[in-house]
Amino acid sequence: MSGKPFELGNKFGKGRRGAKNRLATRVLEDLQDVWDEPCRPGCDITNGVAALRIMAKQHPAEFCKLYCNLVPKEYWVESTTLSDMNDEELDKVIARMRDEVQREQNVIH
């Protein structure tokens, strides 16, 4: 290697402009295609869903990490309606939301 990394005029590691992005785009498209393929001919279950189910059963901790890494870490709620409410009104809204979540969970299970 001639010169030090990051030294002016050092051409080590340079490639065609945008080649890495084009390659990454193609790889992601190929990954999506494989993910969406049926796991068996005529089956409605895709490779992606099958892989997730296997991961959930065989490696539940890793499955949880994957899930948590895909979910936003923070939610920002800005509402003048909420900021204008007093504590009693906010408590009622929270109670209604909890009831709704409970009803949804009962429908799922």
PDB file of N, CA and C in Angstrom:
ATOM      1  N   MET A   1       0.853  -1.171   0.000  1.00  0.00           N
ATOM      2  CA  MET A   1       0.000   0.000   0.000  1.00  0.00           C
ATOM      3  C   MET A   1       0.895   1.229   0.000  1.00  0.00           C
ATOM      4  N   SER A   2       0.649   2.120  -0.915  1.00  0.00           N
ATOM      5  CA  SER A   2       1.447   3.341  -0.946  1.00  0.00           C
ATOM      6  C   SER A   2       0.728   4.419  -0.156  1.00  0.00           C
ATOM      7  N   GLY A   3       1.396   5.009   0.789  1.00  0.00           N
ATOM      8  CA  GLY A   3       0.785   6.064   1.595  1.00  0.00           C
ATOM      9  C   GLY A   3      -0.009   5.503   2.756  1.00  0.00           C
ATOM     10  N   LYS A   4      -0.429   6.386   3.622  1.00  0.00           N
ATOM     11  CA  LYS A   4      -1.211   6.013   4.794  1.00  0.00           C
ATOM     12  C   LYS A   4      -2.699   6.196   4.492  1.00  0.00           C
ATOM     13  N   PRO A   5      -3.550   5.445   5.186  1.00  0.00           N
ATOM     14  CA  PRO A   5      -4.979   5.655   4.986  1.00  0.00           C
ATOM     15  C   PRO A   5      -5.347   7.119   5.246  1.00  0.00           C
ATOM     16  N   PHE A   6      -6.276   7.615   4.496  1.00  0.00           N
ATOM     17  CA  PHE A   6      -6.801   8.976   4.615  1.00  0.00           C
ATOM     18  C   PHE A   6      -5.794  10.053   4.206  1.00  0.00           C
ATOM     19  N   GLU A   7      -4.636   9.649   3.666  1.00  0.00           N
ATOM     20  CA  GLU A   7      -3.650  10.617   3.214  1.00  0.00           C
ATOM     21  C   GLU A   7      -4.046  11.113   1.828  1.00  0.00           C
ATOM     22  N   LEU A   8      -3.881  12.372   1.573  1.00  0.00           N
ATOM     23  CA  LEU A   8      -4.232  12.971   0.305  1.00  0.00           C
ATOM     24  C   LEU A   8      -3.517  12.236  -0.833  1.00  0.00           C
ATOM     25  N   GLY A   9      -4.256  11.862  -1.851  1.00  0.00           N
ATOM     26  CA  GLY A   9      -3.676  11.164  -2.991  1.00  0.00           C
ATOM     27  C   GLY A   9      -3.690   9.657  -2.863  1.00  0.00           C
ATOM     28  N   ASN A  10      -4.030   9.120  -1.694  1.00  0.00           N
ATOM     29  CA  ASN A  10      -4.091   7.676  -1.503  1.00  0.00           C
ATOM     30  C   ASN A  10      -5.335   7.149  -2.210  1.00  0.00           C
ATOM     31  N   LYS A  11      -5.157   6.261  -3.164  1.00  0.00           N
ATOM     32  CA  LYS A  11      -6.277   5.722  -3.931  1.00  0.00           C
ATOM     33  C   LYS A  11      -6.666   4.325  -3.442  1.00  0.00           C
ATOM     34  N   PHE A  12      -6.021   3.850  -2.361  1.00  0.00           N
ATOM     35  CA  PHE A  12      -6.331   2.526  -1.832  1.00  0.00           C
ATOM     36  C   PHE A  12      -7.793   2.469  -1.370  1.00  0.00           C
ATOM     37  N   GLY A  13      -8.502   1.478  -1.811  1.00  0.00           N
ATOM     38  CA  GLY A  13      -9.865   1.266  -1.350  1.00  0.00           C
ATOM     39  C   GLY A  13     -10.920   2.038  -2.121  1.00  0.00           C
ATOM     40  N   LYS A  14     -10.512   2.821  -3.102  1.00  0.00           N
ATOM     41  CA  LYS A  14     -11.513   3.569  -3.864  1.00  0.00           C
ATOM     42  C   LYS A  14     -12.037   2.697  -4.984  1.00  0.00           C
ATOM     43  N   GLY A  15     -13.299   2.755  -5.217  1.00  0.00           N
ATOM     44  CA  GLY A  15     -13.917   2.003  -6.307  1.00  0.00           C
ATOM     45  C   GLY A  15     -14.795   2.943  -7.108  1.00  0.00           C
ATOM     46  N   ARG A  16     -15.614   2.349  -7.935  1.00  0.00           N
ATOM     47  CA  ARG A  16     -16.522   3.176  -8.725  1.00  0.00           C
ATOM     48  C   ARG A  16     -17.536   3.831  -7.811  1.00  0.00           C
ATOM     49  N   ARG A  17     -17.812   5.075  -8.074  1.00  0.00           N
ATOM     50  CA  ARG A  17     -18.741   5.842  -7.257  1.00  0.00           C
ATOM     51  C   ARG A  17     -20.138   5.215  -7.296  1.00  0.00           C
ATOM     52  N   GLY A  18     -20.695   4.937  -6.130  1.00  0.00           N
ATOM     53  CA  GLY A  18     -22.044   4.385  -6.032  1.00  0.00           C
ATOM     54  C   GLY A  18     -22.123   2.879  -6.194  1.00  0.00           C
ATOM     55  N   ALA A  19     -21.009   2.213  -6.491  1.00  0.00           N
ATOM     56  CA  ALA A  19     -21.031   0.763  -6.709  1.00  0.00           C
ATOM     57  C   ALA A  19     -21.492   0.027  -5.454  1.00  0.00           C
ATOM     58  N   LYS A  20     -21.029   0.469  -4.298  1.00  0.00           N
ATOM     59  CA  LYS A  20     -21.412  -0.188  -3.043  1.00  0.00           C
ATOM     60  C   LYS A  20     -22.910  -0.066  -2.796  1.00  0.00           C
ATOM     61  N   ASN A  21     -23.471   1.097  -3.067  1.00  0.00           N
ATOM     62  CA  ASN A  21     -24.913   1.284  -2.881  1.00  0.00           C
ATOM     63  C   ASN A  21     -25.718   0.435  -3.860  1.00  0.00           C
ATOM     64  N   ARG A  22     -25.251   0.350  -5.113  1.00  0.00           N
ATOM     65  CA  ARG A  22     -25.956  -0.479  -6.097  1.00  0.00           C
ATOM     66  C   ARG A  22     -25.917  -1.936  -5.693  1.00  0.00           C
ATOM     67  N   LEU A  23     -24.762  -2.384  -5.208  1.00  0.00           N
ATOM     68  CA  LEU A  23     -24.637  -3.773  -4.767  1.00  0.00           C
ATOM     69  C   LEU A  23     -25.551  -4.035  -3.572  1.00  0.00           C
ATOM     70  N   ALA A  24     -25.538  -3.134  -2.602  1.00  0.00           N
ATOM     71  CA  ALA A  24     -26.385  -3.301  -1.412  1.00  0.00           C
ATOM     72  C   ALA A  24     -27.858  -3.334  -1.811  1.00  0.00           C
ATOM     73  N   THR A  25     -28.242  -2.501  -2.755  1.00  0.00           N
ATOM     74  CA  THR A  25     -29.633  -2.484  -3.220  1.00  0.00           C
ATOM     75  C   THR A  25     -29.998  -3.818  -3.859  1.00  0.00           C
ATOM     76  N   ARG A  26     -29.111  -4.343  -4.694  1.00  0.00           N
ATOM     77  CA  ARG A  26     -29.383  -5.629  -5.342  1.00  0.00           C
ATOM     78  C   ARG A  26     -29.469  -6.758  -4.320  1.00  0.00           C
ATOM     79  N   VAL A  27     -28.566  -6.758  -3.351  1.00  0.00           N
ATOM     80  CA  VAL A  27     -28.583  -7.805  -2.325  1.00  0.00           C
ATOM     81  C   VAL A  27     -29.896  -7.740  -1.527  1.00  0.00           C
ATOM     82  N   LEU A  28     -30.323  -6.543  -1.168  1.00  0.00           N
ATOM     83  CA  LEU A  28     -31.584  -6.410  -0.421  1.00  0.00           C
ATOM     84  C   LEU A  28     -32.780  -6.855  -1.253  1.00  0.00           C
ATOM     85  N   GLU A  29     -32.761  -6.554  -2.550  1.00  0.00           N
ATOM     86  CA  GLU A  29     -33.846  -7.012  -3.423  1.00  0.00           C
ATOM     87  C   GLU A  29     -33.864  -8.538  -3.505  1.00  0.00           C
ATOM     88  N   ASP A  30     -32.679  -9.154  -3.644  1.00  0.00           N
ATOM     89  CA  ASP A  30     -32.589 -10.619  -3.684  1.00  0.00           C
ATOM     90  C   ASP A  30     -33.064 -11.226  -2.362  1.00  0.00           C
ATOM     91  N   LEU A  31     -32.667 -10.610  -1.265  1.00  0.00           N
ATOM     92  CA  LEU A  31     -33.095 -11.076   0.058  1.00  0.00           C
ATOM     93  C   LEU A  31     -34.614 -11.017   0.171  1.00  0.00           C
ATOM     94  N   GLN A  32     -35.205  -9.932  -0.297  1.00  0.00           N
ATOM     95  CA  GLN A  32     -36.667  -9.785  -0.270  1.00  0.00           C
ATOM     96  C   GLN A  32     -37.333 -10.865  -1.116  1.00  0.00           C
ATOM     97  N   ASP A  33     -36.761 -11.162  -2.273  1.00  0.00           N
ATOM     98  CA  ASP A  33     -37.327 -12.204  -3.139  1.00  0.00           C
ATOM     99  C   ASP A  33     -37.321 -13.555  -2.440  1.00  0.00           C
ATOM    100  N   VAL A  34     -36.193 -13.909  -1.817  1.00  0.00           N
ATOM    101  CA  VAL A  34     -36.105 -15.194  -1.112  1.00  0.00           C
ATOM    102  C   VAL A  34     -37.053 -15.210   0.081  1.00  0.00           C
ATOM    103  N   TRP A  35     -37.142 -14.103   0.798  1.00  0.00           N
ATOM    104  CA  TRP A  35     -38.017 -13.982   1.963  1.00  0.00           C
ATOM    105  C   TRP A  35     -39.471 -14.241   1.575  1.00  0.00           C
ATOM    106  N   ASP A  36     -39.864 -13.724   0.401  1.00  0.00           N
ATOM    107  CA  ASP A  36     -41.265 -13.801  -0.026  1.00  0.00           C
ATOM    108  C   ASP A  36     -41.622 -15.094  -0.754  1.00  0.00           C
ATOM    109  N   GLU A  37     -40.638 -15.931  -1.089  1.00  0.00           N
ATOM    110  CA  GLU A  37     -40.922 -17.196  -1.780  1.00  0.00           C
ATOM    111  C   GLU A  37     -41.676 -18.137  -0.848  1.00  0.00           C
ATOM    112  N   PRO A  38     -42.584 -18.944  -1.406  1.00  0.00           N
ATOM    113  CA  PRO A  38     -43.236 -19.970  -0.573  1.00  0.00           C
ATOM    114  C   PRO A  38     -42.192 -20.970  -0.095  1.00  0.00           C
ATOM    115  N   CYS A  39     -42.342 -21.454   1.130  1.00  0.00           N
ATOM    116  CA  CYS A  39     -41.343 -22.400   1.641  1.00  0.00           C
ATOM    117  C   CYS A  39     -41.460 -23.757   0.949  1.00  0.00           C
ATOM    118  N   ARG A  40     -42.629 -24.060   0.419  1.00  0.00           N
ATOM    119  CA  ARG A  40     -42.832 -25.263  -0.399  1.00  0.00           C
ATOM    120  C   ARG A  40     -43.771 -24.894  -1.535  1.00  0.00           C
ATOM    121  N   PRO A  41     -43.662 -25.558  -2.663  1.00  0.00           N
ATOM    122  CA  PRO A  41     -44.584 -25.256  -3.759  1.00  0.00           C
ATOM    123  C   PRO A  41     -46.044 -25.410  -3.313  1.00  0.00           C
ATOM    124  N   GLY A  42     -46.852 -24.421  -3.622  1.00  0.00           N
ATOM    125  CA  GLY A  42     -48.264 -24.458  -3.278  1.00  0.00           C
ATOM    126  C   GLY A  42     -48.583 -24.063  -1.848  1.00  0.00           C
ATOM    127  N   CYS A  43     -47.570 -23.725  -1.070  1.00  0.00           N
ATOM    128  CA  CYS A  43     -47.771 -23.369   0.338  1.00  0.00           C
ATOM    129  C   CYS A  43     -47.961 -21.862   0.474  1.00  0.00           C
ATOM    130  N   ASP A  44     -48.832 -21.448   1.381  1.00  0.00           N
ATOM    131  CA  ASP A  44     -49.060 -20.022   1.624  1.00  0.00           C
ATOM    132  C   ASP A  44     -48.008 -19.417   2.546  1.00  0.00           C
ATOM    133  N   ILE A  45     -47.268 -20.251   3.253  1.00  0.00           N
ATOM    134  CA  ILE A  45     -46.262 -19.760   4.198  1.00  0.00           C
ATOM    135  C   ILE A  45     -44.978 -19.448   3.436  1.00  0.00           C
ATOM    136  N   THR A  46     -44.451 -18.244   3.660  1.00  0.00           N
ATOM    137  CA  THR A  46     -43.225 -17.840   2.966  1.00  0.00           C
ATOM    138  C   THR A  46     -41.991 -18.288   3.741  1.00  0.00           C
ATOM    139  N   ASN A  47     -40.845 -18.246   3.058  1.00  0.00           N
ATOM    140  CA  ASN A  47     -39.574 -18.560   3.722  1.00  0.00           C
ATOM    141  C   ASN A  47     -39.354 -17.654   4.924  1.00  0.00           C
ATOM    142  N   GLY A  48     -39.702 -16.375   4.778  1.00  0.00           N
ATOM    143  CA  GLY A  48     -39.505 -15.422   5.860  1.00  0.00           C
ATOM    144  C   GLY A  48     -40.316 -15.764   7.097  1.00  0.00           C
ATOM    145  N   VAL A  49     -41.592 -16.060   6.894  1.00  0.00           N
ATOM    146  CA  VAL A  49     -42.456 -16.420   8.025  1.00  0.00           C
ATOM    147  C   VAL A  49     -41.976 -17.727   8.654  1.00  0.00           C
ATOM    148  N   ALA A  50     -41.618 -18.694   7.828  1.00  0.00           N
ATOM    149  CA  ALA A  50     -41.122 -19.972   8.355  1.00  0.00           C
ATOM    150  C   ALA A  50     -39.851 -19.762   9.175  1.00  0.00           C
ATOM    151  N   ALA A  51     -38.944 -18.927   8.665  1.00  0.00           N
ATOM    152  CA  ALA A  51     -37.698 -18.663   9.390  1.00  0.00           C
ATOM    153  C   ALA A  51     -37.977 -17.998  10.737  1.00  0.00           C
ATOM    154  N   LEU A  52     -38.910 -17.064  10.749  1.00  0.00           N
ATOM    155  CA  LEU A  52     -39.257 -16.394  12.015  1.00  0.00           C
ATOM    156  C   LEU A  52     -39.873 -17.371  13.014  1.00  0.00           C
ATOM    157  N   ARG A  53     -40.721 -18.256  12.524  1.00  0.00           N
ATOM    158  CA  ARG A  53     -41.339 -19.240  13.428  1.00  0.00           C
ATOM    159  C   ARG A  53     -40.293 -20.186  14.008  1.00  0.00           C
ATOM    160  N   ILE A  54     -39.373 -20.621  13.174  1.00  0.00           N
ATOM    161  CA  ILE A  54     -38.303 -21.502  13.661  1.00  0.00           C
ATOM    162  C   ILE A  54     -37.442 -20.756  14.677  1.00  0.00           C
ATOM    163  N   MET A  55     -37.090 -19.517  14.353  1.00  0.00           N
ATOM    164  CA  MET A  55     -36.265 -18.722  15.267  1.00  0.00           C
ATOM    165  C   MET A  55     -36.976 -18.517  16.608  1.00  0.00           C
ATOM    166  N   ALA A  56     -38.272 -18.249  16.564  1.00  0.00           N
ATOM    167  CA  ALA A  56     -39.032 -18.018  17.795  1.00  0.00           C
ATOM    168  C   ALA A  56     -39.024 -19.252  18.696  1.00  0.00           C
ATOM    169  N   LYS A  57     -39.080 -20.435  18.086  1.00  0.00           N
ATOM    170  CA  LYS A  57     -39.099 -21.660  18.890  1.00  0.00           C
ATOM    171  C   LYS A  57     -37.711 -22.093  19.343  1.00  0.00           C
ATOM    172  N   GLN A  58     -36.722 -22.001  18.445  1.00  0.00           N
ATOM    173  CA  GLN A  58     -35.396 -22.520  18.762  1.00  0.00           C
ATOM    174  C   GLN A  58     -34.492 -21.503  19.461  1.00  0.00           C
ATOM    175  N   HIS A  59     -34.717 -20.227  19.198  1.00  0.00           N
ATOM    176  CA  HIS A  59     -33.870 -19.174  19.771  1.00  0.00           C
ATOM    177  C   HIS A  59     -34.745 -17.997  20.216  1.00  0.00           C
ATOM    178  N   PRO A  60     -35.587 -18.196  21.225  1.00  0.00           N
ATOM    179  CA  PRO A  60     -36.525 -17.147  21.611  1.00  0.00           C
ATOM    180  C   PRO A  60     -35.856 -15.842  22.036  1.00  0.00           C
ATOM    181  N   ALA A  61     -34.710 -15.913  22.679  1.00  0.00           N
ATOM    182  CA  ALA A  61     -34.035 -14.685  23.111  1.00  0.00           C
ATOM    183  C   ALA A  61     -33.580 -13.876  21.901  1.00  0.00           C
ATOM    184  N   GLU A  62     -33.024 -14.547  20.899  1.00  0.00           N
ATOM    185  CA  GLU A  62     -32.596 -13.857  19.680  1.00  0.00           C
ATOM    186  C   GLU A  62     -33.799 -13.301  18.924  1.00  0.00           C
ATOM    187  N   PHE A  63     -34.902 -14.041  18.958  1.00  0.00           N
ATOM    188  CA  PHE A  63     -36.136 -13.575  18.314  1.00  0.00           C
ATOM    189  C   PHE A  63     -36.606 -12.280  18.967  1.00  0.00           C
ATOM    190  N   CYS A  64     -36.562 -12.235  20.288  1.00  0.00           N
ATOM    191  CA  CYS A  64     -36.961 -11.016  21.015  1.00  0.00           C
ATOM    192  C   CYS A  64     -36.037  -9.854  20.682  1.00  0.00           C
ATOM    193  N   LYS A  65     -34.739 -10.109  20.584  1.00  0.00           N
ATOM    194  CA  LYS A  65     -33.794  -9.048  20.221  1.00  0.00           C
ATOM    195  C   LYS A  65     -34.103  -8.508  18.828  1.00  0.00           C
ATOM    196  N   LEU A  66     -34.364  -9.412  17.901  1.00  0.00           N
ATOM    197  CA  LEU A  66     -34.702  -8.994  16.538  1.00  0.00           C
ATOM    198  C   LEU A  66     -35.936  -8.106  16.557  1.00  0.00           C
ATOM    199  N   TYR A  67     -36.952  -8.549  17.265  1.00  0.00           N
ATOM    200  CA  TYR A  67     -38.200  -7.786  17.349  1.00  0.00           C
ATOM    201  C   TYR A  67     -37.954  -6.410  17.965  1.00  0.00           C
ATOM    202  N   CYS A  68     -37.246  -6.388  19.063  1.00  0.00           N
ATOM    203  CA  CYS A  68     -36.994  -5.125  19.757  1.00  0.00           C
ATOM    204  C   CYS A  68     -36.155  -4.161  18.918  1.00  0.00           C
ATOM    205  N   ASN A  69     -35.247  -4.687  18.124  1.00  0.00           N
ATOM    206  CA  ASN A  69     -34.430  -3.822  17.278  1.00  0.00           C
ATOM    207  C   ASN A  69     -35.222  -3.216  16.123  1.00  0.00           C
ATOM    208  N   LEU A  70     -36.349  -3.813  15.789  1.00  0.00           N
ATOM    209  CA  LEU A  70     -37.168  -3.290  14.689  1.00  0.00           C
ATOM    210  C   LEU A  70     -38.232  -2.299  15.154  1.00  0.00           C
ATOM    211  N   VAL A  71     -38.528  -2.305  16.442  1.00  0.00           N
ATOM    212  CA  VAL A  71     -39.553  -1.427  16.989  1.00  0.00           C
ATOM    213  C   VAL A  71     -38.918  -0.096  17.379  1.00  0.00           C
ATOM    214  N   PRO A  72     -39.566   1.020  17.080  1.00  0.00           N
ATOM    215  CA  PRO A  72     -39.006   2.319  17.486  1.00  0.00           C
ATOM    216  C   PRO A  72     -38.756   2.359  18.991  1.00  0.00           C
ATOM    217  N   LYS A  73     -37.656   2.969  19.382  1.00  0.00           N
ATOM    218  CA  LYS A  73     -37.290   3.015  20.795  1.00  0.00           C
ATOM    219  C   LYS A  73     -38.065   4.075  21.563  1.00  0.00           C
ATOM    220  N   GLU A  74     -38.509   5.109  20.861  1.00  0.00           N
ATOM    221  CA  GLU A  74     -39.257   6.185  21.514  1.00  0.00           C
ATOM    222  C   GLU A  74     -40.466   6.558  20.673  1.00  0.00           C
ATOM    223  N   TYR A  75     -41.483   6.985  21.346  1.00  0.00           N
ATOM    224  CA  TYR A  75     -42.657   7.542  20.680  1.00  0.00           C
ATOM    225  C   TYR A  75     -42.855   8.954  21.203  1.00  0.00           C
ATOM    226  N   TRP A  76     -42.948   9.891  20.299  1.00  0.00           N
ATOM    227  CA  TRP A  76     -43.215  11.274  20.687  1.00  0.00           C
ATOM    228  C   TRP A  76     -44.659  11.580  20.367  1.00  0.00           C
ATOM    229  N   VAL A  77     -45.382  12.014  21.378  1.00  0.00           N
ATOM    230  CA  VAL A  77     -46.769  12.397  21.178  1.00  0.00           C
ATOM    231  C   VAL A  77     -46.884  13.873  21.510  1.00  0.00           C
ATOM    232  N   GLU A  78     -47.254  14.633  20.522  1.00  0.00           N
ATOM    233  CA  GLU A  78     -47.473  16.050  20.748  1.00  0.00           C
ATOM    234  C   GLU A  78     -48.926  16.350  20.430  1.00  0.00           C
ATOM    235  N   SER A  79     -49.613  16.829  21.406  1.00  0.00           N
ATOM    236  CA  SER A  79     -51.018  17.120  21.213  1.00  0.00           C
ATOM    237  C   SER A  79     -51.413  18.270  22.122  1.00  0.00           C
ATOM    238  N   THR A  80     -51.966  19.287  21.529  1.00  0.00           N
ATOM    239  CA  THR A  80     -52.450  20.388  22.364  1.00  0.00           C
ATOM    240  C   THR A  80     -53.658  19.937  23.162  1.00  0.00           C
ATOM    241  N   THR A  81     -54.384  18.957  22.620  1.00  0.00           N
ATOM    242  CA  THR A  81     -55.547  18.442  23.340  1.00  0.00           C
ATOM    243  C   THR A  81     -55.118  17.846  24.673  1.00  0.00           C
ATOM    244  N   LEU A  82     -54.062  17.020  24.649  1.00  0.00           N
ATOM    245  CA  LEU A  82     -53.592  16.396  25.883  1.00  0.00           C
ATOM    246  C   LEU A  82     -53.026  17.427  26.855  1.00  0.00           C
ATOM    247  N   SER A  83     -52.282  18.383  26.343  1.00  0.00           N
ATOM    248  CA  SER A  83     -51.674  19.366  27.242  1.00  0.00           C
ATOM    249  C   SER A  83     -52.703  20.299  27.863  1.00  0.00           C
ATOM    250  N   ASP A  84     -53.865  20.404  27.230  1.00  0.00           N
ATOM    251  CA  ASP A  84     -54.936  21.256  27.777  1.00  0.00           C
ATOM    252  C   ASP A  84     -55.790  20.534  28.811  1.00  0.00           C
ATOM    253  N   MET A  85     -55.610  19.219  28.944  1.00  0.00           N
ATOM    254  CA  MET A  85     -56.434  18.447  29.884  1.00  0.00           C
ATOM    255  C   MET A  85     -55.864  18.519  31.295  1.00  0.00           C
ATOM    256  N   ASN A  86     -56.790  18.448  32.267  1.00  0.00           N
ATOM    257  CA  ASN A  86     -56.333  18.369  33.650  1.00  0.00           C
ATOM    258  C   ASN A  86     -56.068  16.900  34.000  1.00  0.00           C
ATOM    259  N   ASP A  87     -55.554  16.640  35.191  1.00  0.00           N
ATOM    260  CA  ASP A  87     -55.167  15.282  35.579  1.00  0.00           C
ATOM    261  C   ASP A  87     -56.340  14.306  35.551  1.00  0.00           C
ATOM    262  N   GLU A  88     -57.493  14.741  35.984  1.00  0.00           N
ATOM    263  CA  GLU A  88     -58.662  13.857  36.009  1.00  0.00           C
ATOM    264  C   GLU A  88     -59.062  13.437  34.593  1.00  0.00           C
ATOM    265  N   GLU A  89     -59.026  14.377  33.662  1.00  0.00           N
ATOM    266  CA  GLU A  89     -59.362  14.061  32.271  1.00  0.00           C
ATOM    267  C   GLU A  89     -58.334  13.112  31.662  1.00  0.00           C
ATOM    268  N   LEU A  90     -57.060  13.348  31.970  1.00  0.00           N
ATOM    269  CA  LEU A  90     -56.013  12.456  31.472  1.00  0.00           C
ATOM    270  C   LEU A  90     -56.176  11.036  32.019  1.00  0.00           C
ATOM    271  N   ASP A  91     -56.531  10.924  33.293  1.00  0.00           N
ATOM    272  CA  ASP A  91     -56.761   9.605  33.895  1.00  0.00           C
ATOM    273  C   ASP A  91     -57.882   8.865  33.172  1.00  0.00           C
ATOM    274  N   LYS A  92     -58.940   9.576  32.789  1.00  0.00           N
ATOM    275  CA  LYS A  92     -60.056   8.956  32.069  1.00  0.00           C
ATOM    276  C   LYS A  92     -59.610   8.472  30.686  1.00  0.00           C
ATOM    277  N   VAL A  93     -58.817   9.280  30.001  1.00  0.00           N
ATOM    278  CA  VAL A  93     -58.319   8.883  28.679  1.00  0.00           C
ATOM    279  C   VAL A  93     -57.447   7.642  28.805  1.00  0.00           C
ATOM    280  N   ILE A  94     -56.571   7.617  29.784  1.00  0.00           N
ATOM    281  CA  ILE A  94     -55.696   6.464  30.005  1.00  0.00           C
ATOM    282  C   ILE A  94     -56.518   5.219  30.314  1.00  0.00           C
ATOM    283  N   ALA A  95     -57.543   5.357  31.145  1.00  0.00           N
ATOM    284  CA  ALA A  95     -58.394   4.219  31.491  1.00  0.00           C
ATOM    285  C   ALA A  95     -59.104   3.682  30.244  1.00  0.00           C
ATOM    286  N   ARG A  96     -59.608   4.576  29.389  1.00  0.00           N
ATOM    287  CA  ARG A  96     -60.270   4.137  28.152  1.00  0.00           C
ATOM    288  C   ARG A  96     -59.285   3.413  27.231  1.00  0.00           C
ATOM    289  N   MET A  97     -58.069   3.933  27.151  1.00  0.00           N
ATOM    290  CA  MET A  97     -57.064   3.286  26.309  1.00  0.00           C
ATOM    291  C   MET A  97     -56.710   1.903  26.845  1.00  0.00           C
ATOM    292  N   ARG A  98     -56.587   1.777  28.147  1.00  0.00           N
ATOM    293  CA  ARG A  98     -56.291   0.470  28.747  1.00  0.00           C
ATOM    294  C   ARG A  98     -57.414  -0.513  28.464  1.00  0.00           C
ATOM    295  N   ASP A  99     -58.666  -0.037  28.582  1.00  0.00           N
ATOM    296  CA  ASP A  99     -59.814  -0.900  28.282  1.00  0.00           C
ATOM    297  C   ASP A  99     -59.776  -1.370  26.832  1.00  0.00           C
ATOM    298  N   GLU A 100     -59.444  -0.473  25.921  1.00  0.00           N
ATOM    299  CA  GLU A 100     -59.386  -0.828  24.509  1.00  0.00           C
ATOM    300  C   GLU A 100     -58.288  -1.853  24.235  1.00  0.00           C
ATOM    301  N   VAL A 101     -57.137  -1.667  24.849  1.00  0.00           N
ATOM    302  CA  VAL A 101     -56.040  -2.624  24.686  1.00  0.00           C
ATOM    303  C   VAL A 101     -56.464  -3.985  25.228  1.00  0.00           C
ATOM    304  N   GLN A 102     -57.122  -4.008  26.356  1.00  0.00           N
ATOM    305  CA  GLN A 102     -57.577  -5.263  26.958  1.00  0.00           C
ATOM    306  C   GLN A 102     -58.585  -5.961  26.034  1.00  0.00           C
ATOM    307  N   ARG A 103     -59.508  -5.207  25.452  1.00  0.00           N
ATOM    308  CA  ARG A 103     -60.483  -5.805  24.528  1.00  0.00           C
ATOM    309  C   ARG A 103     -59.782  -6.387  23.310  1.00  0.00           C
ATOM    310  N   GLU A 104     -58.794  -5.686  22.775  1.00  0.00           N
ATOM    311  CA  GLU A 104     -58.044  -6.194  21.621  1.00  0.00           C
ATOM    312  C   GLU A 104     -57.302  -7.476  21.968  1.00  0.00           C
ATOM    313  N   GLN A 105     -56.726  -7.532  23.169  1.00  0.00           N
ATOM    314  CA  GLN A 105     -56.006  -8.736  23.580  1.00  0.00           C
ATOM    315  C   GLN A 105     -56.962  -9.913  23.742  1.00  0.00           C
ATOM    316  N   ASN A 106     -58.159  -9.638  24.216  1.00  0.00           N
ATOM    317  CA  ASN A 106     -59.149 -10.701  24.372  1.00  0.00           C
ATOM    318  C   ASN A 106     -59.598 -11.240  23.020  1.00  0.00           C
ATOM    319  N   VAL A 107     -59.675 -10.375  22.007  1.00  0.00           N
ATOM    320  CA  VAL A 107     -60.056 -10.819  20.661  1.00  0.00           C
ATOM    321  C   VAL A 107     -58.955 -11.679  20.062  1.00  0.00           C
ATOM    322  N   ILE A 108     -57.691 -11.306  20.268  1.00  0.00           N
ATOM    323  CA  ILE A 108     -56.550 -12.038  19.712  1.00  0.00           C
ATOM    324  C   ILE A 108     -56.443 -13.419  20.349  1.00  0.00           C
ATOM    325  N   HIS A 109     -56.653 -13.499  21.646  1.00  0.00           N
ATOM    326  CA  HIS A 109     -56.481 -14.784  22.350  1.00  0.00           C
ATOM    327  C   HIS A 109     -57.788 -15.476  22.345  1.00  0.00           C
TER     328      HIS A 109
END
